[in-house]
Amino acid sequence: MSYLQGVVYPPPSSDYPPVVIIFKSDGEILAARAAASMQAAESFLHQVLEEVKSQLDENLTTSPQDEQSQ
């Protein structure tokens, strides 16, 4: 089963922003985004991973019959 991971990389200096990277278990990068601050980067990462989890949970609780009846 594949899964997603995310990390916030702090900037190497004040000239650069923090960067959020979201990637699959095989290392494929799915998203990368610069943020205005470490707090904004961590918030973005949390939000994205929660949205993905919610979508996966919804897909797991929806049976094929439920989808056919829609």
C-alpha atoms as a PDB file:
ATOM      1  CA  MET A   1       0.000   0.000   0.000  1.00  0.00           C
ATOM      2  CA  SER A   2       1.387   3.398  -0.914  1.00  0.00           C
ATOM      3  CA  TYR A   3       1.279   6.308   1.438  1.00  0.00           C
ATOM      4  CA  LEU A   4       2.088   9.983   1.494  1.00  0.00           C
ATOM      5  CA  GLN A   5       4.630  11.778   3.580  1.00  0.00           C
ATOM      6  CA  GLY A   6       5.389  15.412   3.954  1.00  0.00           C
ATOM      7  CA  VAL A   7       8.186  17.491   5.307  1.00  0.00           C
ATOM      8  CA  VAL A   8       8.849  21.155   5.930  1.00  0.00           C
ATOM      9  CA  TYR A   9      12.370  22.208   5.078  1.00  0.00           C
ATOM     10  CA  PRO A  10      13.575  25.296   6.902  1.00  0.00           C
ATOM     11  CA  PRO A  11      15.255  27.933   4.784  1.00  0.00           C
ATOM     12  CA  PRO A  12      19.052  27.832   4.613  1.00  0.00           C
ATOM     13  CA  SER A  13      19.110  31.593   5.168  1.00  0.00           C
ATOM     14  CA  SER A  14      16.718  34.490   5.619  1.00  0.00           C
ATOM     15  CA  ASP A  15      16.869  35.086   1.845  1.00  0.00           C
ATOM     16  CA  TYR A  16      14.826  31.928   1.187  1.00  0.00           C
ATOM     17  CA  PRO A  17      11.377  30.749   2.284  1.00  0.00           C
ATOM     18  CA  PRO A  18      10.554  27.483   4.046  1.00  0.00           C
ATOM     19  CA  VAL A  19       9.495  24.776   1.589  1.00  0.00           C
ATOM     20  CA  VAL A  20       6.849  22.072   1.975  1.00  0.00           C
ATOM     21  CA  ILE A  21       7.358  18.832   0.043  1.00  0.00           C
ATOM     22  CA  ILE A  22       4.704  16.108  -0.182  1.00  0.00           C
ATOM     23  CA  PHE A  23       5.813  12.825  -1.690  1.00  0.00           C
ATOM     24  CA  LYS A  24       4.779   9.222  -2.192  1.00  0.00           C
ATOM     25  CA  SER A  25       6.466   6.261  -0.545  1.00  0.00           C
ATOM     26  CA  ASP A  26       8.483   5.651  -3.726  1.00  0.00           C
ATOM     27  CA  GLY A  27       9.972   9.155  -3.507  1.00  0.00           C
ATOM     28  CA  GLU A  28       7.870  10.751  -6.245  1.00  0.00           C
ATOM     29  CA  ILE A  29       7.214  14.396  -5.377  1.00  0.00           C
ATOM     30  CA  LEU A  30       3.519  15.224  -5.602  1.00  0.00           C
ATOM     31  CA  ALA A  31       3.660  18.830  -4.460  1.00  0.00           C
ATOM     32  CA  ALA A  32       6.181  21.436  -3.440  1.00  0.00           C
ATOM     33  CA  ARG A  33       5.322  24.878  -2.145  1.00  0.00           C
ATOM     34  CA  ALA A  34       7.177  27.772  -0.631  1.00  0.00           C
ATOM     35  CA  ALA A  35       5.580  29.389   2.410  1.00  0.00           C
ATOM     36  CA  ALA A  36       5.839  32.773   4.070  1.00  0.00           C
ATOM     37  CA  SER A  37       6.900  31.292   7.415  1.00  0.00           C
ATOM     38  CA  MET A  38       7.615  27.987   9.144  1.00  0.00           C
ATOM     39  CA  GLN A  39       4.219  28.214  10.838  1.00  0.00           C
ATOM     40  CA  ALA A  40       2.468  28.736   7.485  1.00  0.00           C
ATOM     41  CA  ALA A  41       4.413  25.836   5.977  1.00  0.00           C
ATOM     42  CA  GLU A  42       3.503  23.472   8.820  1.00  0.00           C
ATOM     43  CA  SER A  43      -0.138  24.562   8.630  1.00  0.00           C
ATOM     44  CA  PHE A  44      -0.230  23.933   4.879  1.00  0.00           C
ATOM     45  CA  LEU A  45       1.332  20.501   5.286  1.00  0.00           C
ATOM     46  CA  HIS A  46      -1.157  19.536   8.001  1.00  0.00           C
ATOM     47  CA  GLN A  47      -4.090  20.806   5.911  1.00  0.00           C
ATOM     48  CA  VAL A  48      -3.069  18.871   2.793  1.00  0.00           C
ATOM     49  CA  LEU A  49      -2.447  15.616   4.652  1.00  0.00           C
ATOM     50  CA  GLU A  50      -5.776  15.932   6.512  1.00  0.00           C
ATOM     51  CA  GLU A  51      -7.628  16.545   3.224  1.00  0.00           C
ATOM     52  CA  VAL A  52      -6.015  13.486   1.647  1.00  0.00           C
ATOM     53  CA  LYS A  53      -6.819  11.373   4.705  1.00  0.00           C
ATOM     54  CA  SER A  54     -10.429  12.566   4.604  1.00  0.00           C
ATOM     55  CA  GLN A  55     -10.725  11.680   0.911  1.00  0.00           C
ATOM     56  CA  LEU A  56      -9.231   8.236   1.503  1.00  0.00           C
ATOM     57  CA  ASP A  57     -11.544   7.608   4.460  1.00  0.00           C
ATOM     58  CA  GLU A  58     -14.527   8.672   2.361  1.00  0.00           C
ATOM     59  CA  ASN A  59     -13.501   6.381  -0.497  1.00  0.00           C
ATOM     60  CA  LEU A  60     -13.048   3.450   1.879  1.00  0.00           C
ATOM     61  CA  THR A  61     -16.497   3.894   3.421  1.00  0.00           C
ATOM     62  CA  THR A  62     -18.268   4.259   0.065  1.00  0.00           C
ATOM     63  CA  SER A  63     -19.127   0.890  -1.406  1.00  0.00           C
ATOM     64  CA  PRO A  64     -19.300   0.305  -5.191  1.00  0.00           C
ATOM     65  CA  GLN A  65     -23.084  -0.135  -4.865  1.00  0.00           C
ATOM     66  CA  ASP A  66     -23.363   3.320  -3.283  1.00  0.00           C
ATOM     67  CA  GLU A  67     -21.571   4.852  -6.257  1.00  0.00           C
ATOM     68  CA  GLN A  68     -23.736   3.014  -8.801  1.00  0.00           C
ATOM     69  CA  SER A  69     -26.949   4.263  -7.204  1.00  0.00           C
ATOM     70  CA  GLN A  70     -25.866   7.907  -7.496  1.00  0.00           C
END
